[in-house]
């Protein structure tokens, strides 16, 4: 069950205002009568006045108003469960968060620019599943494969180099971990890994890992961030840059040849990022050409409106409220409480 227009429930707060106004109205009326004459005199002067009937009319009005709001909100009940099939790819993004990604040869820095581009790509997704692994000297799955794009963007936003203290760029390990995550899925058609890194790998085996992934039908793509000339690594602080034990600036440069070889071994594409474009859109366009996985989803296809009973009750109550007068009926008074006011 659901409500088609739940925003109308805010109008229920008006009942508090109506009750307050009714209380003030009755109180003011009683005070005016008391100021004019005592109760015995006012009963003789206005014998047919009924406060009880006024209160009854108000109660009918409030209840009718309540049911009218429910009618406007339109409760709906799902009547059929439908099965639909959507097609998409499984994509594991491996994001380098080592300190070298703080370098500012790509503005504002390599990591921030990569995160911005990744968030934009996620915003454009419709049917693909995406997962996120962050890595430096080691790696861990930040987000398993999901089609919940809002959650995915949240996990991307909180990524920072401080999440992994073990520095380095263990590309072979992250490829293996991405393959492990993708292997958990039942569908084995469109599966891709996207490595976003400067390629400063401190370990061997990345090319072999990419080749192994390809043998399992998983395409490995790489995106290189940085310049070949080498730039200092900006750390926390205005003019604080990473230095070695001798106090010399540590420079980081893009290892483009390694990333190209990884993409080649993995059957994917390599793109070099720049300040205009990271290249994620182009990589995703390449992924879009792959034979897609089919995902089954179940949902209510049709909903029946249930506003009619609420609207009918509201109408009956409104009519009843209009037919009841504020004056006593001398015939009904003999049997009901209205003559006791």
C-alpha atoms as a PDB file:
ATOM      1  CA  UNK A   1       0.000   0.000   0.000  1.00  0.00           C
ATOM      2  CA  UNK A   2       1.157   3.524  -0.734  1.00  0.00           C
ATOM      3  CA  UNK A   3      -0.179   7.090  -0.914  1.00  0.00           C
ATOM      4  CA  UNK A   4      -0.074   8.820  -4.271  1.00  0.00           C
ATOM      5  CA  UNK A   5      -0.032  12.328  -2.768  1.00  0.00           C
ATOM      6  CA  UNK A   6       1.424  12.051   0.769  1.00  0.00           C
ATOM      7  CA  UNK A   7       2.165  15.775   0.875  1.00  0.00           C
ATOM      8  CA  UNK A   8      -1.503  16.430   1.702  1.00  0.00           C
ATOM      9  CA  UNK A   9      -0.981  14.919   5.156  1.00  0.00           C
ATOM     10  CA  UNK A  10       0.661  18.187   6.191  1.00  0.00           C
ATOM     11  CA  UNK A  11      -2.827  19.700   6.084  1.00  0.00           C
ATOM     12  CA  UNK A  12      -3.750  17.586   9.127  1.00  0.00           C
ATOM     13  CA  UNK A  13      -1.816  20.068  11.255  1.00  0.00           C
ATOM     14  CA  UNK A  14      -4.617  22.542  10.513  1.00  0.00           C
ATOM     15  CA  UNK A  15      -6.869  20.501  12.854  1.00  0.00           C
ATOM     16  CA  UNK A  16      -4.938  21.953  15.802  1.00  0.00           C
ATOM     17  CA  UNK A  17      -5.764  25.438  14.553  1.00  0.00           C
ATOM     18  CA  UNK A  18      -9.433  24.561  14.047  1.00  0.00           C
ATOM     19  CA  UNK A  19      -9.739  23.170  17.597  1.00  0.00           C
ATOM     20  CA  UNK A  20      -8.102  26.270  19.048  1.00  0.00           C
ATOM     21  CA  UNK A  21     -10.396  28.597  17.095  1.00  0.00           C
ATOM     22  CA  UNK A  22     -13.508  26.593  18.090  1.00  0.00           C
ATOM     23  CA  UNK A  23     -12.516  26.684  21.755  1.00  0.00           C
ATOM     24  CA  UNK A  24     -11.974  30.443  21.609  1.00  0.00           C
ATOM     25  CA  UNK A  25     -15.274  30.911  19.768  1.00  0.00           C
ATOM     26  CA  UNK A  26     -17.334  28.938  22.323  1.00  0.00           C
ATOM     27  CA  UNK A  27     -15.548  30.584  25.223  1.00  0.00           C
ATOM     28  CA  UNK A  28     -16.139  34.056  23.828  1.00  0.00           C
ATOM     29  CA  UNK A  29     -19.795  33.239  23.150  1.00  0.00           C
ATOM     30  CA  UNK A  30     -20.357  31.976  26.697  1.00  0.00           C
ATOM     31  CA  UNK A  31     -18.692  35.068  28.136  1.00  0.00           C
ATOM     32  CA  UNK A  32     -20.862  37.314  25.985  1.00  0.00           C
ATOM     33  CA  UNK A  33     -24.003  35.522  27.182  1.00  0.00           C
ATOM     34  CA  UNK A  34     -22.840  35.677  30.778  1.00  0.00           C
ATOM     35  CA  UNK A  35     -22.209  39.408  30.463  1.00  0.00           C
ATOM     36  CA  UNK A  36     -25.622  39.946  28.932  1.00  0.00           C
ATOM     37  CA  UNK A  37     -27.665  37.964  31.463  1.00  0.00           C
ATOM     38  CA  UNK A  38     -27.449  35.102  33.925  1.00  0.00           C
ATOM     39  CA  UNK A  39     -28.110  31.533  32.749  1.00  0.00           C
ATOM     40  CA  UNK A  40     -31.769  31.420  33.773  1.00  0.00           C
ATOM     41  CA  UNK A  41     -32.507  34.678  32.013  1.00  0.00           C
ATOM     42  CA  UNK A  42     -30.557  33.726  28.864  1.00  0.00           C
ATOM     43  CA  UNK A  43     -32.367  30.361  28.744  1.00  0.00           C
ATOM     44  CA  UNK A  44     -35.660  32.215  28.713  1.00  0.00           C
ATOM     45  CA  UNK A  45     -34.493  34.792  26.148  1.00  0.00           C
ATOM     46  CA  UNK A  46     -32.764  32.240  23.866  1.00  0.00           C
ATOM     47  CA  UNK A  47     -34.488  28.946  24.682  1.00  0.00           C
ATOM     48  CA  UNK A  48     -33.479  27.147  21.496  1.00  0.00           C
ATOM     49  CA  UNK A  49     -29.712  27.872  21.672  1.00  0.00           C
ATOM     50  CA  UNK A  50     -27.740  24.609  21.834  1.00  0.00           C
ATOM     51  CA  UNK A  51     -23.998  24.623  22.589  1.00  0.00           C
ATOM     52  CA  UNK A  52     -24.043  20.836  22.384  1.00  0.00           C
ATOM     53  CA  UNK A  53     -25.252  20.894  18.776  1.00  0.00           C
ATOM     54  CA  UNK A  54     -22.578  23.459  17.940  1.00  0.00           C
ATOM     55  CA  UNK A  55     -19.935  21.107  19.344  1.00  0.00           C
ATOM     56  CA  UNK A  56     -21.436  18.187  17.429  1.00  0.00           C
ATOM     57  CA  UNK A  57     -21.305  20.158  14.181  1.00  0.00           C
ATOM     58  CA  UNK A  58     -17.669  20.980  14.858  1.00  0.00           C
ATOM     59  CA  UNK A  59     -16.780  17.332  15.555  1.00  0.00           C
ATOM     60  CA  UNK A  60     -18.486  16.287  12.322  1.00  0.00           C
ATOM     61  CA  UNK A  61     -16.531  18.967  10.474  1.00  0.00           C
ATOM     62  CA  UNK A  62     -13.181  17.792  11.929  1.00  0.00           C
ATOM     63  CA  UNK A  63     -13.846  14.134  11.153  1.00  0.00           C
ATOM     64  CA  UNK A  64     -14.991  15.014   7.636  1.00  0.00           C
ATOM     65  CA  UNK A  65     -11.854  17.113   7.168  1.00  0.00           C
ATOM     66  CA  UNK A  66      -9.723  14.152   8.329  1.00  0.00           C
ATOM     67  CA  UNK A  67     -11.299  11.757   5.821  1.00  0.00           C
ATOM     68  CA  UNK A  68     -11.077  14.366   3.076  1.00  0.00           C
ATOM     69  CA  UNK A  69      -7.301  14.632   3.578  1.00  0.00           C
ATOM     70  CA  UNK A  70      -6.989  10.858   3.263  1.00  0.00           C
ATOM     71  CA  UNK A  71      -9.032  11.003   0.063  1.00  0.00           C
ATOM     72  CA  UNK A  72      -6.740  13.701  -1.352  1.00  0.00           C
ATOM     73  CA  UNK A  73      -3.662  11.657  -0.401  1.00  0.00           C
ATOM     74  CA  UNK A  74      -5.238   8.812  -2.387  1.00  0.00           C
ATOM     75  CA  UNK A  75      -4.254   5.523  -0.743  1.00  0.00           C
ATOM     76  CA  UNK A  76      -3.361   2.952  -3.365  1.00  0.00           C
ATOM     77  CA  UNK A  77      -3.008  -0.809  -3.123  1.00  0.00           C
ATOM     78  CA  UNK A  78      -0.752  -2.770  -5.461  1.00  0.00           C
ATOM     79  CA  UNK A  79      -2.725  -5.347  -7.362  1.00  0.00           C
ATOM     80  CA  UNK A  80      -0.208  -7.064  -9.610  1.00  0.00           C
ATOM     81  CA  UNK A  81       3.459  -7.835  -9.192  1.00  0.00           C
ATOM     82  CA  UNK A  82       5.338  -7.443 -12.435  1.00  0.00           C
ATOM     83  CA  UNK A  83       8.665  -8.819 -13.505  1.00  0.00           C
ATOM     84  CA  UNK A  84      10.906  -6.675 -15.615  1.00  0.00           C
ATOM     85  CA  UNK A  85      14.345  -7.267 -17.009  1.00  0.00           C
ATOM     86  CA  UNK A  86      16.988  -4.602 -17.232  1.00  0.00           C
ATOM     87  CA  UNK A  87      20.348  -4.884 -18.915  1.00  0.00           C
ATOM     88  CA  UNK A  88      23.573  -3.445 -17.624  1.00  0.00           C
ATOM     89  CA  UNK A  89      27.237  -4.013 -16.875  1.00  0.00           C
ATOM     90  CA  UNK A  90      29.039  -4.803 -13.624  1.00  0.00           C
ATOM     91  CA  UNK A  91      31.775  -2.228 -13.127  1.00  0.00           C
ATOM     92  CA  UNK A  92      34.337  -2.218 -10.324  1.00  0.00           C
ATOM     93  CA  UNK A  93      36.175   1.084 -10.023  1.00  0.00           C
ATOM     94  CA  UNK A  94      39.592   0.853  -8.367  1.00  0.00           C
ATOM     95  CA  UNK A  95      40.605   4.282  -7.082  1.00  0.00           C
ATOM     96  CA  UNK A  96      44.174   5.041  -6.047  1.00  0.00           C
ATOM     97  CA  UNK A  97      44.255   6.931  -2.723  1.00  0.00           C
ATOM     98  CA  UNK A  98      48.009   6.936  -2.137  1.00  0.00           C
ATOM     99  CA  UNK A  99      49.693  10.194  -1.140  1.00  0.00           C
ATOM    100  CA  UNK A 100      50.921  10.685  -4.707  1.00  0.00           C
ATOM    101  CA  UNK A 101      47.284  11.313  -5.663  1.00  0.00           C
ATOM    102  CA  UNK A 102      47.506  14.590  -3.722  1.00  0.00           C
ATOM    103  CA  UNK A 103      49.683  16.049  -6.467  1.00  0.00           C
ATOM    104  CA  UNK A 104      48.248  19.145  -8.112  1.00  0.00           C
ATOM    105  CA  UNK A 105      49.324  18.649 -11.715  1.00  0.00           C
ATOM    106  CA  UNK A 106      45.602  18.001 -12.314  1.00  0.00           C
ATOM    107  CA  UNK A 107      43.467  20.615 -10.561  1.00  0.00           C
ATOM    108  CA  UNK A 108      42.531  20.819  -7.764  1.00  0.00           C
ATOM    109  CA  UNK A 109      44.503  17.582  -7.298  1.00  0.00           C
ATOM    110  CA  UNK A 110      44.518  14.125  -8.824  1.00  0.00           C
ATOM    111  CA  UNK A 111      42.258  12.450  -6.266  1.00  0.00           C
ATOM    112  CA  UNK A 112      39.692  15.230  -5.957  1.00  0.00           C
ATOM    113  CA  UNK A 113      39.388  15.515  -9.731  1.00  0.00           C
ATOM    114  CA  UNK A 114      38.957  11.750 -10.035  1.00  0.00           C
ATOM    115  CA  UNK A 115      36.230  11.747  -7.374  1.00  0.00           C
ATOM    116  CA  UNK A 116      34.380  14.578  -9.114  1.00  0.00           C
ATOM    117  CA  UNK A 117      34.452  12.760 -12.434  1.00  0.00           C
ATOM    118  CA  UNK A 118      33.358   9.488 -10.831  1.00  0.00           C
ATOM    119  CA  UNK A 119      30.395  11.160  -9.127  1.00  0.00           C
ATOM    120  CA  UNK A 120      29.317  12.689 -12.435  1.00  0.00           C
ATOM    121  CA  UNK A 121      29.463   9.306 -14.165  1.00  0.00           C
ATOM    122  CA  UNK A 122      27.423   7.679 -11.391  1.00  0.00           C
ATOM    123  CA  UNK A 123      24.783  10.414 -11.769  1.00  0.00           C
ATOM    124  CA  UNK A 124      24.330   9.399 -15.415  1.00  0.00           C
ATOM    125  CA  UNK A 125      24.012   5.666 -14.738  1.00  0.00           C
ATOM    126  CA  UNK A 126      20.659   3.962 -15.265  1.00  0.00           C
ATOM    127  CA  UNK A 127      21.074   0.189 -15.469  1.00  0.00           C
ATOM    128  CA  UNK A 128      24.703  -0.642 -14.649  1.00  0.00           C
ATOM    129  CA  UNK A 129      25.948  -1.841 -11.285  1.00  0.00           C
ATOM    130  CA  UNK A 130      28.963  -0.128  -9.782  1.00  0.00           C
ATOM    131  CA  UNK A 131      31.363  -0.980  -6.983  1.00  0.00           C
ATOM    132  CA  UNK A 132      34.344   0.837  -5.497  1.00  0.00           C
ATOM    133  CA  UNK A 133      37.701  -0.421  -4.235  1.00  0.00           C
ATOM    134  CA  UNK A 134      40.240   2.007  -2.819  1.00  0.00           C
ATOM    135  CA  UNK A 135      43.904   1.129  -2.747  1.00  0.00           C
ATOM    136  CA  UNK A 136      47.374   2.339  -1.868  1.00  0.00           C
ATOM    137  CA  UNK A 137      49.920  -0.070  -0.359  1.00  0.00           C
ATOM    138  CA  UNK A 138      46.955  -2.356   0.244  1.00  0.00           C
ATOM    139  CA  UNK A 139      43.312  -2.326  -0.813  1.00  0.00           C
ATOM    140  CA  UNK A 140      39.823  -2.941   0.448  1.00  0.00           C
ATOM    141  CA  UNK A 141      36.306  -2.903  -0.952  1.00  0.00           C
ATOM    142  CA  UNK A 142      34.753   0.438  -0.114  1.00  0.00           C
ATOM    143  CA  UNK A 143      31.445  -0.385  -1.815  1.00  0.00           C
ATOM    144  CA  UNK A 144      30.263  -3.768  -3.172  1.00  0.00           C
ATOM    145  CA  UNK A 145      28.465  -3.846  -6.510  1.00  0.00           C
ATOM    146  CA  UNK A 146      25.214  -1.933  -6.279  1.00  0.00           C
ATOM    147  CA  UNK A 147      22.626  -0.120  -8.369  1.00  0.00           C
ATOM    148  CA  UNK A 148      21.948   2.298  -5.500  1.00  0.00           C
ATOM    149  CA  UNK A 149      23.612   5.287  -7.122  1.00  0.00           C
ATOM    150  CA  UNK A 150      22.876   7.685  -4.269  1.00  0.00           C
ATOM    151  CA  UNK A 151      24.767   5.476  -1.835  1.00  0.00           C
ATOM    152  CA  UNK A 152      27.573   5.027  -4.347  1.00  0.00           C
ATOM    153  CA  UNK A 153      28.062   8.795  -4.636  1.00  0.00           C
ATOM    154  CA  UNK A 154      28.125   9.101  -0.850  1.00  0.00           C
ATOM    155  CA  UNK A 155      30.893   6.515  -0.593  1.00  0.00           C
ATOM    156  CA  UNK A 156      32.867   8.287  -3.308  1.00  0.00           C
ATOM    157  CA  UNK A 157      32.571  11.622  -1.503  1.00  0.00           C
ATOM    158  CA  UNK A 158      34.132  10.349   1.719  1.00  0.00           C
ATOM    159  CA  UNK A 159      37.190   8.778   0.072  1.00  0.00           C
ATOM    160  CA  UNK A 160      40.499  10.263   1.235  1.00  0.00           C
ATOM    161  CA  UNK A 161      44.184   9.235   1.391  1.00  0.00           C
ATOM    162  CA  UNK A 162      43.868   8.962   5.178  1.00  0.00           C
ATOM    163  CA  UNK A 163      41.772   5.808   4.797  1.00  0.00           C
ATOM    164  CA  UNK A 164      44.841   3.670   4.069  1.00  0.00           C
ATOM    165  CA  UNK A 165      47.986   4.249   6.088  1.00  0.00           C
ATOM    166  CA  UNK A 166      50.067   1.690   4.193  1.00  0.00           C
ATOM    167  CA  UNK A 167      51.513   3.709   1.330  1.00  0.00           C
ATOM    168  CA  UNK A 168      52.346   2.413  -2.121  1.00  0.00           C
ATOM    169  CA  UNK A 169      50.333   1.433  -5.189  1.00  0.00           C
ATOM    170  CA  UNK A 170      49.473  -2.259  -5.091  1.00  0.00           C
ATOM    171  CA  UNK A 171      47.787  -2.574  -8.475  1.00  0.00           C
ATOM    172  CA  UNK A 172      48.097  -6.365  -8.719  1.00  0.00           C
ATOM    173  CA  UNK A 173      46.313  -6.801  -5.393  1.00  0.00           C
ATOM    174  CA  UNK A 174      43.485  -4.456  -6.300  1.00  0.00           C
ATOM    175  CA  UNK A 175      42.906  -6.225  -9.627  1.00  0.00           C
ATOM    176  CA  UNK A 176      42.638  -9.547  -7.820  1.00  0.00           C
ATOM    177  CA  UNK A 177      40.211  -8.065  -5.318  1.00  0.00           C
ATOM    178  CA  UNK A 178      38.084  -6.555  -8.081  1.00  0.00           C
ATOM    179  CA  UNK A 179      37.976  -9.913  -9.877  1.00  0.00           C
ATOM    180  CA  UNK A 180      36.907 -11.580  -6.643  1.00  0.00           C
ATOM    181  CA  UNK A 181      34.052  -9.090  -6.219  1.00  0.00           C
ATOM    182  CA  UNK A 182      32.885  -9.500  -9.812  1.00  0.00           C
ATOM    183  CA  UNK A 183      33.049 -13.297  -9.594  1.00  0.00           C
ATOM    184  CA  UNK A 184      30.418 -13.210  -6.836  1.00  0.00           C
ATOM    185  CA  UNK A 185      27.815 -12.087  -9.364  1.00  0.00           C
ATOM    186  CA  UNK A 186      25.829 -14.799 -11.177  1.00  0.00           C
ATOM    187  CA  UNK A 187      25.797 -13.066 -14.561  1.00  0.00           C
ATOM    188  CA  UNK A 188      29.104 -13.222 -16.428  1.00  0.00           C
ATOM    189  CA  UNK A 189      28.624 -11.155 -19.549  1.00  0.00           C
ATOM    190  CA  UNK A 190      29.554  -7.486 -19.166  1.00  0.00           C
ATOM    191  CA  UNK A 191      32.157  -7.200 -16.413  1.00  0.00           C
ATOM    192  CA  UNK A 192      34.772  -4.496 -16.300  1.00  0.00           C
ATOM    193  CA  UNK A 193      37.437  -3.066 -14.017  1.00  0.00           C
ATOM    194  CA  UNK A 194      38.452   0.589 -14.207  1.00  0.00           C
ATOM    195  CA  UNK A 195      41.730   1.480 -12.497  1.00  0.00           C
ATOM    196  CA  UNK A 196      42.209   5.184 -11.791  1.00  0.00           C
ATOM    197  CA  UNK A 197      45.804   5.770 -10.740  1.00  0.00           C
ATOM    198  CA  UNK A 198      49.116   7.488 -11.448  1.00  0.00           C
ATOM    199  CA  UNK A 199      50.615   4.026 -11.943  1.00  0.00           C
ATOM    200  CA  UNK A 200      53.422   4.313  -9.427  1.00  0.00           C
ATOM    201  CA  UNK A 201      53.314   0.604  -8.659  1.00  0.00           C
ATOM    202  CA  UNK A 202      55.689  -0.558  -5.931  1.00  0.00           C
ATOM    203  CA  UNK A 203      54.955  -4.219  -6.579  1.00  0.00           C
ATOM    204  CA  UNK A 204      55.164  -6.608  -9.506  1.00  0.00           C
ATOM    205  CA  UNK A 205      52.455  -8.753 -10.968  1.00  0.00           C
ATOM    206  CA  UNK A 206      49.971  -6.112 -12.168  1.00  0.00           C
ATOM    207  CA  UNK A 207      50.211  -7.146 -15.812  1.00  0.00           C
ATOM    208  CA  UNK A 208      49.864 -10.828 -14.925  1.00  0.00           C
ATOM    209  CA  UNK A 209      46.819 -10.024 -12.763  1.00  0.00           C
ATOM    210  CA  UNK A 210      45.218  -8.120 -15.637  1.00  0.00           C
ATOM    211  CA  UNK A 211      45.876 -11.036 -17.975  1.00  0.00           C
ATOM    212  CA  UNK A 212      44.309 -13.434 -15.478  1.00  0.00           C
ATOM    213  CA  UNK A 213      41.224 -11.189 -15.185  1.00  0.00           C
ATOM    214  CA  UNK A 214      40.878 -11.162 -18.958  1.00  0.00           C
ATOM    215  CA  UNK A 215      40.956 -14.958 -19.037  1.00  0.00           C
ATOM    216  CA  UNK A 216      37.836 -14.894 -16.869  1.00  0.00           C
ATOM    217  CA  UNK A 217      36.002 -12.562 -19.233  1.00  0.00           C
ATOM    218  CA  UNK A 218      36.694  -9.412 -17.223  1.00  0.00           C
ATOM    219  CA  UNK A 219      37.992  -6.378 -19.099  1.00  0.00           C
ATOM    220  CA  UNK A 220      40.574  -4.210 -17.329  1.00  0.00           C
ATOM    221  CA  UNK A 221      40.672  -0.516 -18.254  1.00  0.00           C
ATOM    222  CA  UNK A 222      43.086   2.070 -16.898  1.00  0.00           C
ATOM    223  CA  UNK A 223      43.051   5.838 -16.532  1.00  0.00           C
ATOM    224  CA  UNK A 224      46.332   7.616 -15.880  1.00  0.00           C
ATOM    225  CA  UNK A 225      46.456  10.763 -13.769  1.00  0.00           C
ATOM    226  CA  UNK A 226      49.489  13.033 -13.607  1.00  0.00           C
ATOM    227  CA  UNK A 227      52.353  14.332 -15.656  1.00  0.00           C
ATOM    228  CA  UNK A 228      55.420  12.482 -16.890  1.00  0.00           C
ATOM    229  CA  UNK A 229      57.799  15.235 -15.739  1.00  0.00           C
ATOM    230  CA  UNK A 230      57.120  14.760 -12.036  1.00  0.00           C
ATOM    231  CA  UNK A 231      55.590  17.176  -9.518  1.00  0.00           C
ATOM    232  CA  UNK A 232      55.813  17.562  -5.704  1.00  0.00           C
ATOM    233  CA  UNK A 233      53.182  15.969  -3.499  1.00  0.00           C
ATOM    234  CA  UNK A 234      51.101  18.506  -1.608  1.00  0.00           C
ATOM    235  CA  UNK A 235      50.413  17.454   1.981  1.00  0.00           C
ATOM    236  CA  UNK A 236      48.205  19.097   4.625  1.00  0.00           C
ATOM    237  CA  UNK A 237      49.145  22.732   5.141  1.00  0.00           C
ATOM    238  CA  UNK A 238      49.638  25.784   2.933  1.00  0.00           C
ATOM    239  CA  UNK A 239      53.194  25.101   1.744  1.00  0.00           C
ATOM    240  CA  UNK A 240      53.726  21.616   3.058  1.00  0.00           C
ATOM    241  CA  UNK A 241      55.121  19.125   0.535  1.00  0.00           C
ATOM    242  CA  UNK A 242      56.265  15.568   1.008  1.00  0.00           C
ATOM    243  CA  UNK A 243      60.015  15.176   1.525  1.00  0.00           C
ATOM    244  CA  UNK A 244      62.367  12.261   1.923  1.00  0.00           C
ATOM    245  CA  UNK A 245      64.625  11.584   4.901  1.00  0.00           C
ATOM    246  CA  UNK A 246      67.216  13.999   3.517  1.00  0.00           C
ATOM    247  CA  UNK A 247      64.659  16.810   3.267  1.00  0.00           C
ATOM    248  CA  UNK A 248      64.458  16.720  -0.523  1.00  0.00           C
ATOM    249  CA  UNK A 249      61.125  17.085  -2.281  1.00  0.00           C
ATOM    250  CA  UNK A 250      59.538  13.813  -3.335  1.00  0.00           C
ATOM    251  CA  UNK A 251      58.313  13.995  -6.915  1.00  0.00           C
ATOM    252  CA  UNK A 252      55.571  11.855  -8.380  1.00  0.00           C
ATOM    253  CA  UNK A 253      55.205  11.147 -12.065  1.00  0.00           C
ATOM    254  CA  UNK A 254      52.755   9.238 -14.194  1.00  0.00           C
ATOM    255  CA  UNK A 255      53.869   5.716 -15.072  1.00  0.00           C
ATOM    256  CA  UNK A 256      52.042   5.682 -18.361  1.00  0.00           C
ATOM    257  CA  UNK A 257      53.778   2.653 -19.833  1.00  0.00           C
ATOM    258  CA  UNK A 258      52.675   0.413 -16.951  1.00  0.00           C
ATOM    259  CA  UNK A 259      49.042   1.524 -17.189  1.00  0.00           C
ATOM    260  CA  UNK A 260      49.056   1.016 -20.948  1.00  0.00           C
ATOM    261  CA  UNK A 261      50.451  -2.484 -20.551  1.00  0.00           C
ATOM    262  CA  UNK A 262      47.864  -3.344 -17.885  1.00  0.00           C
ATOM    263  CA  UNK A 263      45.024  -2.217 -20.171  1.00  0.00           C
ATOM    264  CA  UNK A 264      46.497  -4.123 -23.082  1.00  0.00           C
ATOM    265  CA  UNK A 265      46.848  -7.315 -21.034  1.00  0.00           C
ATOM    266  CA  UNK A 266      43.332  -6.862 -19.686  1.00  0.00           C
ATOM    267  CA  UNK A 267      41.751  -6.326 -23.110  1.00  0.00           C
ATOM    268  CA  UNK A 268      40.638  -2.824 -22.182  1.00  0.00           C
ATOM    269  CA  UNK A 269      41.511   0.760 -23.044  1.00  0.00           C
ATOM    270  CA  UNK A 270      43.940   3.243 -21.553  1.00  0.00           C
ATOM    271  CA  UNK A 271      43.202   6.949 -21.345  1.00  0.00           C
ATOM    272  CA  UNK A 272      45.355   9.769 -19.998  1.00  0.00           C
ATOM    273  CA  UNK A 273      43.514  12.288 -17.851  1.00  0.00           C
ATOM    274  CA  UNK A 274      43.931  16.028 -18.161  1.00  0.00           C
ATOM    275  CA  UNK A 275      42.384  19.121 -16.628  1.00  0.00           C
ATOM    276  CA  UNK A 276      39.588  19.071 -19.179  1.00  0.00           C
ATOM    277  CA  UNK A 277      38.549  15.426 -18.848  1.00  0.00           C
ATOM    278  CA  UNK A 278      39.492  12.450 -16.718  1.00  0.00           C
ATOM    279  CA  UNK A 279      38.315  10.077 -19.434  1.00  0.00           C
ATOM    280  CA  UNK A 280      35.746   8.121 -17.431  1.00  0.00           C
ATOM    281  CA  UNK A 281      32.996   8.967 -19.907  1.00  0.00           C
ATOM    282  CA  UNK A 282      35.008   7.444 -22.744  1.00  0.00           C
ATOM    283  CA  UNK A 283      35.787   4.313 -20.726  1.00  0.00           C
ATOM    284  CA  UNK A 284      32.095   3.911 -19.809  1.00  0.00           C
ATOM    285  CA  UNK A 285      31.212   4.316 -23.485  1.00  0.00           C
ATOM    286  CA  UNK A 286      33.548   1.399 -24.190  1.00  0.00           C
ATOM    287  CA  UNK A 287      31.886  -0.628 -21.433  1.00  0.00           C
ATOM    288  CA  UNK A 288      28.480   0.191 -22.918  1.00  0.00           C
ATOM    289  CA  UNK A 289      29.436  -1.693 -26.085  1.00  0.00           C
ATOM    290  CA  UNK A 290      29.878  -4.939 -24.173  1.00  0.00           C
ATOM    291  CA  UNK A 291      27.184  -7.604 -24.147  1.00  0.00           C
ATOM    292  CA  UNK A 292      25.080  -6.656 -21.153  1.00  0.00           C
ATOM    293  CA  UNK A 293      23.992  -8.692 -18.169  1.00  0.00           C
ATOM    294  CA  UNK A 294      20.287  -9.171 -17.552  1.00  0.00           C
ATOM    295  CA  UNK A 295      18.930  -8.320 -14.109  1.00  0.00           C
ATOM    296  CA  UNK A 296      15.484  -9.273 -12.882  1.00  0.00           C
ATOM    297  CA  UNK A 297      13.483  -6.850 -10.790  1.00  0.00           C
ATOM    298  CA  UNK A 298      10.048  -7.223  -9.236  1.00  0.00           C
ATOM    299  CA  UNK A 299       7.672  -4.368  -8.590  1.00  0.00           C
ATOM    300  CA  UNK A 300       3.975  -3.504  -8.441  1.00  0.00           C
ATOM    301  CA  UNK A 301       2.907  -2.695 -11.966  1.00  0.00           C
ATOM    302  CA  UNK A 302      -0.626  -1.498 -11.198  1.00  0.00           C
ATOM    303  CA  UNK A 303      -2.155   0.239  -8.228  1.00  0.00           C
ATOM    304  CA  UNK A 304      -5.843   0.588  -7.438  1.00  0.00           C
ATOM    305  CA  UNK A 305      -7.032   3.910  -6.046  1.00  0.00           C
ATOM    306  CA  UNK A 306      -8.751   3.709  -2.663  1.00  0.00           C
ATOM    307  CA  UNK A 307      -9.748   7.354  -2.197  1.00  0.00           C
ATOM    308  CA  UNK A 308     -13.461   6.778  -2.905  1.00  0.00           C
ATOM    309  CA  UNK A 309     -14.508   5.342   0.525  1.00  0.00           C
ATOM    310  CA  UNK A 310     -12.755   8.198   2.314  1.00  0.00           C
ATOM    311  CA  UNK A 311     -14.313  10.800   0.034  1.00  0.00           C
ATOM    312  CA  UNK A 312     -17.770   9.230   0.508  1.00  0.00           C
ATOM    313  CA  UNK A 313     -17.478   9.275   4.315  1.00  0.00           C
ATOM    314  CA  UNK A 314     -16.295  12.888   4.191  1.00  0.00           C
ATOM    315  CA  UNK A 315     -19.274  13.830   1.990  1.00  0.00           C
ATOM    316  CA  UNK A 316     -21.794  12.119   4.325  1.00  0.00           C
ATOM    317  CA  UNK A 317     -20.328  13.888   7.348  1.00  0.00           C
ATOM    318  CA  UNK A 318     -20.361  17.267   5.610  1.00  0.00           C
ATOM    319  CA  UNK A 319     -24.008  16.814   4.617  1.00  0.00           C
ATOM    320  CA  UNK A 320     -24.856  15.768   8.188  1.00  0.00           C
ATOM    321  CA  UNK A 321     -23.059  18.807   9.535  1.00  0.00           C
ATOM    322  CA  UNK A 322     -25.029  21.079   7.205  1.00  0.00           C
ATOM    323  CA  UNK A 323     -28.388  19.499   8.104  1.00  0.00           C
ATOM    324  CA  UNK A 324     -27.851  19.859  11.847  1.00  0.00           C
ATOM    325  CA  UNK A 325     -28.794  23.337  12.989  1.00  0.00           C
ATOM    326  CA  UNK A 326     -27.414  25.122  16.025  1.00  0.00           C
ATOM    327  CA  UNK A 327     -30.903  25.490  17.483  1.00  0.00           C
ATOM    328  CA  UNK A 328     -32.731  22.930  19.591  1.00  0.00           C
ATOM    329  CA  UNK A 329     -35.623  20.959  18.153  1.00  0.00           C
ATOM    330  CA  UNK A 330     -38.521  20.838  20.611  1.00  0.00           C
ATOM    331  CA  UNK A 331     -39.529  17.354  19.456  1.00  0.00           C
ATOM    332  CA  UNK A 332     -36.034  15.838  19.500  1.00  0.00           C
ATOM    333  CA  UNK A 333     -35.234  17.549  22.816  1.00  0.00           C
ATOM    334  CA  UNK A 334     -37.477  15.126  24.623  1.00  0.00           C
ATOM    335  CA  UNK A 335     -35.269  12.180  23.664  1.00  0.00           C
ATOM    336  CA  UNK A 336     -31.732  13.592  23.177  1.00  0.00           C
ATOM    337  CA  UNK A 337     -29.243  15.577  25.172  1.00  0.00           C
ATOM    338  CA  UNK A 338     -29.485  18.883  23.298  1.00  0.00           C
ATOM    339  CA  UNK A 339     -32.007  20.279  25.785  1.00  0.00           C
ATOM    340  CA  UNK A 340     -29.506  19.875  28.600  1.00  0.00           C
ATOM    341  CA  UNK A 341     -27.137  22.644  27.539  1.00  0.00           C
END
